[in-house]
Amino acid sequence: MKIFGLGVPELLIILAVALLIFGPKNLPKLGNALGRTVKNLREGISGGAEKEATEDEVEAEVEEKPVRKKKKAAASTSSADTEE
């Protein structure tokens, strides 16, 4: 089993060194931060093209059909009119 061209013994040595450097309490935090970083990197790479396509679609819709909001006069009742 090879991960990134490294075998099991090499991975165990790397994990042991990381455990010695960061300690058992900080190792889960380090793994969590590394996982978030990889996730954000993947989303950034794949999401960049999707975001540009979405922005182009929104711009096309705005150019085609401008939307105007209609203001309606609302009847308001005040509670100050009633005397106790």
Protein backbone atom coordinates (compact mmCIF):
# COMPACT_ATOMS: atom_id res chain seq x y z
CA MET A 1 0.00 0.00 0.00
CA LYS A 2 1.57 3.25 -1.11
CA ILE A 3 0.28 6.74 -0.44
CA PHE A 4 2.07 9.56 -2.26
CA GLY A 5 4.83 7.10 -3.11
CA LEU A 6 5.43 6.31 0.57
CA GLY A 7 5.07 2.88 2.08
CA VAL A 8 3.64 1.92 5.45
CA PRO A 9 6.98 2.10 7.35
CA GLU A 10 7.68 5.61 6.06
CA LEU A 11 4.20 6.80 7.01
CA LEU A 12 4.58 5.35 10.52
CA ILE A 13 7.90 7.16 10.97
CA ILE A 14 6.33 10.45 9.83
CA LEU A 15 3.40 9.98 12.22
CA ALA A 16 5.77 9.15 15.12
CA VAL A 17 7.84 12.29 14.46
CA ALA A 18 4.67 14.40 14.27
CA LEU A 19 3.51 12.90 17.57
CA LEU A 20 6.83 13.76 19.21
CA ILE A 21 6.86 17.32 17.86
CA PHE A 22 3.24 18.34 18.45
CA GLY A 23 2.25 16.07 21.33
CA PRO A 24 -0.84 13.90 21.73
CA LYS A 25 -3.11 16.81 22.72
CA ASN A 26 -2.36 19.00 19.70
CA LEU A 27 -2.23 16.25 17.06
CA PRO A 28 -6.05 16.07 16.56
CA LYS A 29 -6.19 19.86 16.22
CA LEU A 30 -3.42 19.73 13.64
CA GLY A 31 -5.23 17.01 11.68
CA ASN A 32 -8.47 18.97 11.80
CA ALA A 33 -6.78 22.13 10.52
CA LEU A 34 -5.03 20.18 7.77
CA GLY A 35 -8.32 18.58 6.72
CA ARG A 36 -10.08 21.96 6.55
CA THR A 37 -7.24 23.37 4.50
CA VAL A 38 -7.42 20.53 1.98
CA LYS A 39 -11.22 20.84 1.80
CA ASN A 40 -11.07 24.59 1.19
CA LEU A 41 -8.38 24.12 -1.42
CA ARG A 42 -10.47 21.55 -3.30
CA GLU A 43 -13.57 23.76 -3.12
CA GLY A 44 -11.55 26.73 -4.29
CA ILE A 45 -10.17 24.89 -7.29
CA SER A 46 -13.46 23.31 -8.38
CA GLY A 47 -15.76 26.07 -7.13
CA GLY A 48 -13.96 28.86 -8.97
CA ALA A 49 -15.27 27.77 -12.37
CA GLU A 50 -18.78 27.20 -11.00
CA LYS A 51 -18.82 30.62 -9.34
CA GLU A 52 -17.78 32.36 -12.56
CA ALA A 53 -20.51 30.53 -14.49
CA THR A 54 -23.10 31.52 -11.89
CA GLU A 55 -22.01 35.17 -12.01
CA ASP A 56 -22.29 35.15 -15.82
CA GLU A 57 -25.83 33.73 -15.59
CA VAL A 58 -26.87 36.38 -13.07
CA GLU A 59 -25.45 39.17 -15.22
CA ALA A 60 -27.33 37.80 -18.26
CA GLU A 61 -30.61 37.72 -16.32
CA VAL A 62 -30.14 41.29 -15.10
CA GLU A 63 -29.44 42.54 -18.62
CA GLU A 64 -32.49 40.75 -20.05
CA LYS A 65 -35.17 41.72 -17.56
CA PRO A 66 -34.78 44.47 -14.99
CA VAL A 67 -36.97 43.95 -11.96
CA ARG A 68 -38.81 46.87 -10.42
CA LYS A 69 -40.32 46.80 -7.00
CA LYS A 70 -43.78 48.25 -6.61
CA LYS A 71 -44.51 50.25 -3.52
CA LYS A 72 -47.87 49.74 -1.93
CA ALA A 73 -49.45 52.19 0.44
CA ALA A 74 -50.01 50.41 3.71
CA ALA A 75 -52.83 51.43 5.97
CA SER A 76 -51.48 51.87 9.43
CA THR A 77 -53.45 51.85 12.62
CA SER A 78 -52.10 53.56 15.64
CA SER A 79 -52.77 52.46 19.15
CA ALA A 80 -52.45 56.06 20.36
CA ASP A 81 -55.95 56.85 19.06
CA THR A 82 -57.62 54.77 21.73
CA GLU A 83 -57.88 56.38 25.13
CA GLU A 84 -58.12 54.49 28.35
